[in-house]
C-alpha cells in the first residue's frame, strides 16, 4: 500500500511554535511607559548606560539580573537605543518593583 505524505504533524508543530512565540512576545514586549529591563548586548551599549537613561528622561530603579543590565522606568521609545534589548520588567524576572516609581 502506498501511503501519501500527510504533513499534519508539520502543520501542528508550526502552529505550536507560532502560538508559543506569540505568547512569549506578548509577555516580554516592553510597555510604552513603565518598568523595563534594559539588557546591553555590547560593551559600547553598556558604557555610560545609567547616564544615558537619565538624559533620556528615565528613572533608574535597580540593577538587573543580567550583567550590566538595569531595571528602569520611562518611555520605551525614548530609552530604545542600538545594542540594547528592552523587555518588560516582570516581577517573576526582576522581583518586586517600587510602586511609587
Protein backbone atom coordinates (compact mmCIF):
# COMPACT_ATOMS: atom_id res chain seq x y z
CA UNK A 1 0.00 0.00 0.00
CA UNK A 2 1.38 3.40 -0.96
CA UNK A 3 0.99 5.99 1.76
CA UNK A 4 0.69 9.62 0.69
CA UNK A 5 2.73 12.14 2.61
CA UNK A 6 0.45 14.00 5.01
CA UNK A 7 2.13 16.96 6.65
CA UNK A 8 -0.33 17.17 9.55
CA UNK A 9 2.44 16.77 12.14
CA UNK A 10 4.39 19.54 10.43
CA UNK A 11 1.39 21.90 10.50
CA UNK A 12 0.67 21.09 14.12
CA UNK A 13 4.30 21.76 15.07
CA UNK A 14 4.29 25.06 13.16
CA UNK A 15 1.09 26.18 14.91
CA UNK A 16 2.52 25.26 18.30
CA UNK A 17 5.74 27.20 17.63
CA UNK A 18 3.81 30.27 16.43
CA UNK A 19 1.44 30.20 19.41
CA UNK A 20 4.29 29.82 21.90
CA UNK A 21 6.28 32.59 20.22
CA UNK A 22 3.27 34.91 20.17
CA UNK A 23 2.54 34.39 23.85
CA UNK A 24 6.22 34.94 24.68
CA UNK A 25 6.28 38.15 22.66
CA UNK A 26 3.16 39.45 24.40
CA UNK A 27 4.67 38.72 27.82
CA UNK A 28 8.10 40.22 27.15
CA UNK A 29 7.40 43.22 24.92
CA UNK A 30 8.21 46.48 26.71
CA UNK A 31 5.34 48.74 27.72
CA UNK A 32 5.01 52.16 26.11
CA UNK A 33 5.69 53.65 29.52
CA UNK A 34 6.59 51.80 32.69
CA UNK A 35 9.19 49.49 34.17
CA UNK A 36 11.55 47.81 31.69
CA UNK A 37 14.67 45.69 31.85
CA UNK A 38 17.45 47.13 29.68
CA UNK A 39 19.96 44.49 28.59
CA UNK A 40 23.08 45.77 26.79
CA UNK A 41 24.33 43.47 24.03
CA UNK A 42 27.71 45.15 23.51
CA UNK A 43 30.34 46.82 25.66
CA UNK A 44 29.65 50.10 23.85
CA UNK A 45 25.99 49.92 24.87
CA UNK A 46 26.98 49.16 28.48
CA UNK A 47 29.35 52.15 28.72
CA UNK A 48 27.62 55.14 30.30
CA UNK A 49 24.23 53.41 30.35
CA UNK A 50 22.96 54.93 33.63
CA UNK A 51 23.72 58.47 32.49
CA UNK A 52 22.04 57.89 29.10
CA UNK A 53 18.90 56.61 30.86
CA UNK A 54 18.74 59.76 32.99
CA UNK A 55 19.47 62.01 29.98
CA UNK A 56 16.54 60.44 28.10
CA UNK A 57 14.09 61.04 30.94
CA UNK A 58 14.26 57.58 32.50
CA UNK A 59 14.49 56.67 36.15
CA UNK A 60 16.88 54.01 37.49
CA UNK A 61 15.12 51.51 39.73
CA UNK A 62 17.76 48.82 40.36
CA UNK A 63 20.40 46.60 38.82
CA UNK A 64 19.08 43.87 36.54
CA UNK A 65 19.67 40.16 36.85
CA UNK A 66 21.98 40.05 33.81
CA UNK A 67 25.49 41.55 33.87
CA UNK A 68 25.31 45.26 33.05
CA UNK A 69 21.52 45.31 32.85
CA UNK A 70 19.28 47.83 34.61
CA UNK A 71 15.62 47.96 35.59
CA UNK A 72 14.39 51.41 34.59
CA UNK A 73 11.14 53.35 34.44
CA UNK A 74 10.41 55.52 31.43
CA UNK A 75 9.10 55.65 27.88
CA UNK A 76 10.27 52.80 25.65
CA UNK A 77 10.59 54.97 22.54
CA UNK A 78 12.90 57.38 24.41
CA UNK A 79 15.01 54.65 26.03
CA UNK A 80 15.44 52.42 22.97
CA UNK A 81 18.94 52.56 21.51
CA UNK A 82 21.21 50.44 19.30
CA UNK A 83 22.85 47.48 21.00
CA UNK A 84 20.17 47.29 23.69
CA UNK A 85 17.25 44.95 24.30
CA UNK A 86 14.22 46.29 26.17
CA UNK A 87 11.82 43.80 27.74
CA UNK A 88 9.01 44.14 30.23
CA UNK A 89 10.20 44.14 33.84
CA UNK A 90 8.02 41.32 35.10
CA UNK A 91 8.06 40.62 38.85
CA UNK A 92 8.99 37.00 38.14
CA UNK A 93 12.02 38.19 36.14
CA UNK A 94 13.06 41.27 38.13
CA UNK A 95 11.48 40.86 41.56
CA UNK A 96 9.01 43.26 43.16
CA UNK A 97 9.19 46.81 41.82
CA UNK A 98 8.62 50.09 43.62
CA UNK A 99 5.01 51.22 43.39
CA UNK A 100 5.83 54.95 43.67
CA UNK A 101 8.07 55.00 40.56
